[in-house]
Amino acid sequence: MPSPVKFRDFRKYMGKHGWALSHVTGSHHVFVKPGCRSFPVPVHHGEVKYGYYREAQKINEGR
């Protein structure tokens, strides 16, 4: 199983693809982008599970 991704790196990656952090509810950080559904990501101990990073890649690459 791949290692978790640091949240600061995940946020930077999302920003490069036009996403902005809208709000935080509990541990869920919600990213938004015009024309797309919101993308909630749970963050624990400053890390995001690799599966969420992979899903973000699929969305950003149009798969």
Protein backbone atom coordinates (compact mmCIF):
# COMPACT_ATOMS: atom_id res chain seq x y z
CA MET A 1 0.00 0.00 0.00
CA PRO A 2 1.43 3.42 -0.96
CA SER A 3 2.38 5.92 1.71
CA PRO A 4 0.08 8.78 2.69
CA VAL A 5 0.65 12.20 1.09
CA LYS A 6 1.47 15.26 3.21
CA PHE A 7 -1.50 17.63 3.21
CA ARG A 8 0.66 20.62 2.27
CA ASP A 9 1.80 18.75 -0.87
CA PHE A 10 -1.77 17.68 -1.66
CA ARG A 11 -3.03 21.26 -1.29
CA LYS A 12 -0.25 22.54 -3.56
CA TYR A 13 -1.11 19.89 -6.16
CA MET A 14 -4.80 20.82 -6.07
CA GLY A 15 -3.97 24.53 -6.36
CA LYS A 16 -1.92 23.90 -9.50
CA HIS A 17 -5.02 22.35 -11.05
CA GLY A 18 -7.37 25.24 -10.19
CA TRP A 19 -8.86 23.93 -6.93
CA ALA A 20 -9.26 26.13 -3.85
CA LEU A 21 -9.83 25.12 -0.25
CA SER A 22 -13.39 26.24 0.48
CA HIS A 23 -13.86 25.24 4.10
CA VAL A 24 -13.03 22.71 6.79
CA THR A 25 -15.66 20.73 8.67
CA GLY A 26 -14.10 18.54 11.32
CA SER A 27 -11.31 16.62 9.62
CA HIS A 28 -12.77 17.11 6.12
CA HIS A 29 -11.12 19.77 3.97
CA VAL A 30 -13.40 20.66 1.06
CA PHE A 31 -11.87 21.75 -2.24
CA VAL A 32 -13.93 23.51 -4.92
CA LYS A 33 -13.39 24.37 -8.58
CA PRO A 34 -15.80 26.15 -10.93
CA GLY A 35 -17.70 23.63 -13.04
CA CYS A 36 -16.80 20.65 -10.83
CA ARG A 37 -18.35 18.95 -7.82
CA SER A 38 -16.75 19.69 -4.48
CA PHE A 39 -13.98 17.30 -3.40
CA PRO A 40 -13.93 16.57 0.36
CA VAL A 41 -10.73 15.06 1.74
CA PRO A 42 -10.26 13.80 5.30
CA VAL A 43 -6.95 14.91 6.81
CA HIS A 44 -5.48 13.17 9.83
CA HIS A 45 -2.12 13.98 11.43
CA GLY A 46 -1.30 16.27 8.49
CA GLU A 47 -1.66 13.48 5.94
CA VAL A 48 -4.08 12.44 3.21
CA LYS A 49 -4.53 8.77 2.32
CA TYR A 50 -2.99 7.89 -1.02
CA GLY A 51 -6.37 6.82 -2.44
CA TYR A 52 -7.67 10.40 -2.24
CA TYR A 53 -4.55 11.67 -4.01
CA ARG A 54 -5.05 9.04 -6.74
CA GLU A 55 -8.72 10.02 -7.12
CA ALA A 56 -7.69 13.69 -7.45
CA GLN A 57 -5.24 12.70 -10.19
CA LYS A 58 -8.01 10.90 -12.08
CA ILE A 59 -10.30 13.93 -11.84
CA ASN A 60 -7.57 16.38 -12.88
CA GLU A 61 -6.44 14.23 -15.80
CA GLY A 62 -10.02 13.71 -17.01
CA ARG A 63 -10.19 9.95 -16.62
